[in-house]
Amino acid sequence: MSKSQAEQSVIKTHLESNTSRLETQSQQQSDNKKWLTLIREYADIKELDTDTLNQLIKKIVVYEDFDDDLIRQTVEIHFNFVNHADKHNLTR
């Protein structure tokens, strides 16, 4: 009986874990579809205006690091519906 309960507990834990992963993957797939739909509209963009910027980008973060005469800047661009940021490093 205790062996059966232990197996049932393990199965329940696996089920919860798999359900959580499935929900995360479903959300990512939904976000990817939204991003693709949105980016197709702007594939041939000629000018970046405020409305377009707000549609595509969630936020832009700029970091500065001073080291003697060297200035390093990191620019992070966080796009809507994408879970990671594009980072660009600039040195002056």
N, C-alpha and C. Protein backbone atom coordinates (compact mmCIF):
# COMPACT_ATOMS: atom_id res chain seq x y z
N MET A 1 0.82 -1.19 0.00
CA MET A 1 0.00 0.00 0.00
C MET A 1 0.87 1.26 0.00
N SER A 2 1.90 1.29 0.85
CA SER A 2 2.76 2.47 0.91
C SER A 2 3.53 2.66 -0.39
N LYS A 3 3.90 1.55 -1.05
CA LYS A 3 4.60 1.63 -2.33
C LYS A 3 3.68 2.27 -3.38
N SER A 4 2.43 1.91 -3.36
CA SER A 4 1.45 2.45 -4.29
C SER A 4 1.25 3.96 -4.05
N GLN A 5 1.20 4.35 -2.79
CA GLN A 5 1.05 5.77 -2.45
C GLN A 5 2.28 6.56 -2.87
N ALA A 6 3.46 5.98 -2.71
CA ALA A 6 4.69 6.65 -3.13
C ALA A 6 4.71 6.84 -4.64
N GLU A 7 4.31 5.79 -5.37
CA GLU A 7 4.25 5.89 -6.83
C GLU A 7 3.24 6.94 -7.26
N GLN A 8 2.12 6.97 -6.59
CA GLN A 8 1.07 7.95 -6.89
C GLN A 8 1.58 9.37 -6.63
N SER A 9 2.33 9.55 -5.58
CA SER A 9 2.90 10.86 -5.26
C SER A 9 3.90 11.31 -6.33
N VAL A 10 4.73 10.38 -6.79
CA VAL A 10 5.70 10.68 -7.84
C VAL A 10 4.98 11.05 -9.13
N ILE A 11 3.96 10.28 -9.46
CA ILE A 11 3.18 10.55 -10.68
C ILE A 11 2.50 11.92 -10.59
N LYS A 12 1.97 12.24 -9.43
CA LYS A 12 1.30 13.53 -9.24
C LYS A 12 2.31 14.68 -9.41
N THR A 13 3.51 14.51 -8.87
CA THR A 13 4.56 15.52 -9.00
C THR A 13 4.95 15.70 -10.47
N HIS A 14 5.11 14.60 -11.19
CA HIS A 14 5.42 14.66 -12.61
C HIS A 14 4.31 15.35 -13.40
N LEU A 15 3.09 15.04 -13.07
CA LEU A 15 1.94 15.64 -13.74
C LEU A 15 1.93 17.16 -13.54
N GLU A 16 2.14 17.60 -12.30
CA GLU A 16 2.16 19.03 -12.02
C GLU A 16 3.30 19.73 -12.77
N SER A 17 4.45 19.09 -12.78
CA SER A 17 5.60 19.64 -13.49
C SER A 17 5.34 19.75 -14.99
N ASN A 18 4.82 18.67 -15.57
CA ASN A 18 4.53 18.67 -17.00
C ASN A 18 3.41 19.65 -17.37
N THR A 19 2.43 19.78 -16.51
CA THR A 19 1.35 20.74 -16.75
C THR A 19 1.90 22.16 -16.75
N SER A 20 2.77 22.46 -15.81
CA SER A 20 3.39 23.78 -15.74
C SER A 20 4.23 24.06 -16.99
N ARG A 21 5.02 23.08 -17.42
CA ARG A 21 5.84 23.25 -18.63
C ARG A 21 4.97 23.46 -19.85
N LEU A 22 3.87 22.72 -19.93
CA LEU A 22 2.96 22.85 -21.07
C LEU A 22 2.33 24.24 -21.11
N GLU A 23 1.92 24.75 -19.96
CA GLU A 23 1.35 26.10 -19.90
C GLU A 23 2.37 27.14 -20.33
N THR A 24 3.62 26.99 -19.88
CA THR A 24 4.69 27.92 -20.26
C THR A 24 4.94 27.87 -21.77
N GLN A 25 5.01 26.66 -22.31
CA GLN A 25 5.24 26.51 -23.75
C GLN A 25 4.06 27.05 -24.56
N SER A 26 2.87 26.86 -24.07
CA SER A 26 1.68 27.38 -24.77
C SER A 26 1.71 28.90 -24.79
N GLN A 27 2.10 29.51 -23.67
CA GLN A 27 2.20 30.97 -23.61
C GLN A 27 3.29 31.47 -24.55
N GLN A 28 4.43 30.78 -24.58
CA GLN A 28 5.51 31.17 -25.48
C GLN A 28 5.08 31.06 -26.93
N GLN A 29 4.36 30.00 -27.27
CA GLN A 29 3.88 29.82 -28.63
C GLN A 29 2.90 30.93 -29.00
N SER A 30 2.02 31.27 -28.09
CA SER A 30 1.08 32.36 -28.33
C SER A 30 1.81 33.68 -28.53
N ASP A 31 2.79 33.96 -27.67
CA ASP A 31 3.58 35.19 -27.81
C ASP A 31 4.34 35.22 -29.12
N ASN A 32 4.89 34.07 -29.54
CA ASN A 32 5.62 34.00 -30.81
C ASN A 32 4.69 34.29 -31.99
N LYS A 33 3.48 33.76 -31.94
CA LYS A 33 2.51 34.03 -33.01
C LYS A 33 2.16 35.51 -33.06
N LYS A 34 1.94 36.12 -31.89
CA LYS A 34 1.64 37.55 -31.84
C LYS A 34 2.80 38.36 -32.41
N TRP A 35 4.04 37.99 -32.03
CA TRP A 35 5.22 38.70 -32.51
C TRP A 35 5.35 38.58 -34.03
N LEU A 36 5.17 37.38 -34.57
CA LEU A 36 5.27 37.19 -36.01
C LEU A 36 4.20 37.98 -36.76
N THR A 37 3.00 37.98 -36.25
CA THR A 37 1.92 38.76 -36.87
C THR A 37 2.27 40.24 -36.86
N LEU A 38 2.76 40.70 -35.73
CA LEU A 38 3.11 42.11 -35.59
C LEU A 38 4.29 42.49 -36.47
N ILE A 39 5.33 41.70 -36.49
CA ILE A 39 6.54 42.05 -37.21
C ILE A 39 6.32 41.99 -38.72
N ARG A 40 5.41 41.14 -39.19
CA ARG A 40 5.10 41.09 -40.62
C ARG A 40 4.56 42.43 -41.12
N GLU A 41 3.80 43.11 -40.26
CA GLU A 41 3.25 44.42 -40.63
C GLU A 41 4.36 45.44 -40.87
N TYR A 42 5.48 45.27 -40.19
CA TYR A 42 6.55 46.26 -40.23
C TYR A 42 7.80 45.75 -40.97
N ALA A 43 7.65 44.74 -41.80
CA ALA A 43 8.80 44.16 -42.49
C ALA A 43 9.50 45.15 -43.42
N ASP A 44 8.76 46.00 -44.07
CA ASP A 44 9.33 46.97 -45.02
C ASP A 44 9.27 48.39 -44.48
N ILE A 45 9.46 48.55 -43.19
CA ILE A 45 9.35 49.87 -42.56
C ILE A 45 10.43 50.82 -43.08
N LYS A 46 10.04 52.03 -43.38
CA LYS A 46 10.96 53.05 -43.89
C LYS A 46 11.35 54.05 -42.81
N GLU A 47 10.43 54.28 -41.87
CA GLU A 47 10.65 55.28 -40.84
C GLU A 47 10.08 54.78 -39.51
N LEU A 48 10.84 54.98 -38.45
CA LEU A 48 10.40 54.54 -37.13
C LEU A 48 9.73 55.71 -36.42
N ASP A 49 8.42 55.64 -36.31
CA ASP A 49 7.68 56.68 -35.61
C ASP A 49 7.26 56.18 -34.23
N THR A 50 6.63 57.03 -33.46
CA THR A 50 6.25 56.70 -32.08
C THR A 50 5.31 55.51 -32.01
N ASP A 51 4.29 55.48 -32.87
CA ASP A 51 3.33 54.38 -32.84
C ASP A 51 4.01 53.04 -33.14
N THR A 52 4.86 53.02 -34.14
CA THR A 52 5.57 51.79 -34.50
C THR A 52 6.48 51.35 -33.37
N LEU A 53 7.20 52.29 -32.80
CA LEU A 53 8.10 51.99 -31.68
C LEU A 53 7.33 51.38 -30.52
N ASN A 54 6.20 51.94 -30.19
CA ASN A 54 5.38 51.43 -29.09
C ASN A 54 4.79 50.05 -29.40
N GLN A 55 4.52 49.76 -30.66
CA GLN A 55 4.00 48.45 -31.05
C GLN A 55 5.06 47.37 -30.91
N LEU A 56 6.31 47.70 -31.24
CA LEU A 56 7.36 46.70 -31.32
C LEU A 56 8.18 46.54 -30.05
N ILE A 57 8.41 47.64 -29.33
CA ILE A 57 9.38 47.62 -28.23
C ILE A 57 8.70 47.91 -26.90
N LYS A 58 8.99 47.05 -25.93
CA LYS A 58 8.46 47.21 -24.58
C LYS A 58 9.24 48.27 -23.82
N LYS A 59 10.60 48.16 -23.87
CA LYS A 59 11.43 49.16 -23.19
C LYS A 59 12.85 49.09 -23.73
N ILE A 60 13.56 50.20 -23.54
CA ILE A 60 14.97 50.29 -23.89
C ILE A 60 15.71 50.73 -22.63
N VAL A 61 16.75 49.98 -22.27
CA VAL A 61 17.52 50.27 -21.06
C VAL A 61 18.97 50.54 -21.48
N VAL A 62 19.54 51.64 -20.96
CA VAL A 62 20.93 51.98 -21.27
C VAL A 62 21.72 52.01 -19.97
N TYR A 63 22.84 51.28 -19.94
CA TYR A 63 23.73 51.25 -18.79
C TYR A 63 25.05 51.90 -19.19
N GLU A 64 25.65 52.63 -18.26
CA GLU A 64 26.98 53.20 -18.51
C GLU A 64 27.94 52.72 -17.43
N ASP A 65 29.17 52.43 -17.84
CA ASP A 65 30.21 52.01 -16.93
C ASP A 65 31.47 52.81 -17.27
N PHE A 66 31.98 53.55 -16.30
CA PHE A 66 33.16 54.39 -16.52
C PHE A 66 34.39 53.68 -15.97
N ASP A 67 35.44 53.60 -16.78
CA ASP A 67 36.69 52.97 -16.40
C ASP A 67 37.82 53.84 -16.92
N ASP A 68 38.39 54.68 -16.06
CA ASP A 68 39.41 55.66 -16.46
C ASP A 68 38.86 56.53 -17.58
N ASP A 69 39.50 56.51 -18.73
CA ASP A 69 39.06 57.33 -19.86
C ASP A 69 38.08 56.60 -20.77
N LEU A 70 37.75 55.38 -20.42
CA LEU A 70 36.89 54.55 -21.25
C LEU A 70 35.45 54.57 -20.72
N ILE A 71 34.52 54.77 -21.62
CA ILE A 71 33.10 54.74 -21.27
C ILE A 71 32.46 53.58 -22.02
N ARG A 72 31.87 52.66 -21.28
CA ARG A 72 31.17 51.54 -21.89
C ARG A 72 29.67 51.73 -21.69
N GLN A 73 28.94 51.58 -22.76
CA GLN A 73 27.49 51.66 -22.68
C GLN A 73 26.90 50.34 -23.18
N THR A 74 25.92 49.88 -22.47
CA THR A 74 25.17 48.70 -22.89
C THR A 74 23.73 49.14 -23.14
N VAL A 75 23.23 48.81 -24.30
CA VAL A 75 21.86 49.14 -24.66
C VAL A 75 21.08 47.83 -24.76
N GLU A 76 20.03 47.72 -23.97
CA GLU A 76 19.16 46.54 -24.01
C GLU A 76 17.84 46.95 -24.66
N ILE A 77 17.43 46.20 -25.66
CA ILE A 77 16.14 46.44 -26.31
C ILE A 77 15.24 45.27 -25.98
N HIS A 78 14.17 45.55 -25.26
CA HIS A 78 13.20 44.53 -24.87
C HIS A 78 11.99 44.65 -25.80
N PHE A 79 11.83 43.67 -26.69
CA PHE A 79 10.73 43.68 -27.63
C PHE A 79 9.47 43.11 -27.00
N ASN A 80 8.32 43.56 -27.47
CA ASN A 80 7.05 42.99 -27.03
C ASN A 80 6.96 41.54 -27.47
N PHE A 81 6.40 40.70 -26.62
CA PHE A 81 6.14 39.28 -26.88
C PHE A 81 7.41 38.44 -27.04
N VAL A 82 8.55 38.96 -26.66
CA VAL A 82 9.80 38.20 -26.72
C VAL A 82 10.39 38.22 -25.32
N ASN A 83 10.81 37.05 -24.82
CA ASN A 83 11.23 36.94 -23.42
C ASN A 83 12.69 37.26 -23.16
N HIS A 84 13.43 37.66 -24.15
CA HIS A 84 14.82 38.04 -23.92
C HIS A 84 15.10 39.38 -24.58
N ALA A 85 16.15 40.02 -24.13
CA ALA A 85 16.52 41.33 -24.66
C ALA A 85 17.71 41.21 -25.60
N ASP A 86 17.72 42.05 -26.61
CA ASP A 86 18.90 42.18 -27.47
C ASP A 86 19.82 43.17 -26.78
N LYS A 87 21.10 42.79 -26.62
CA LYS A 87 22.07 43.66 -25.97
C LYS A 87 23.13 44.10 -26.97
N HIS A 88 23.46 45.36 -26.91
CA HIS A 88 24.49 45.92 -27.76
C HIS A 88 25.44 46.72 -26.88
N ASN A 89 26.73 46.46 -27.01
CA ASN A 89 27.74 47.15 -26.22
C ASN A 89 28.44 48.19 -27.08
N LEU A 90 28.59 49.38 -26.53
CA LEU A 90 29.28 50.48 -27.21
C LEU A 90 30.42 50.94 -26.31
N THR A 91 31.56 51.25 -26.90
CA THR A 91 32.70 51.74 -26.13
C THR A 91 33.16 53.06 -26.72
N ARG A 92 33.38 54.06 -25.85
CA ARG A 92 33.90 55.35 -26.29
C ARG A 92 35.15 55.67 -25.52
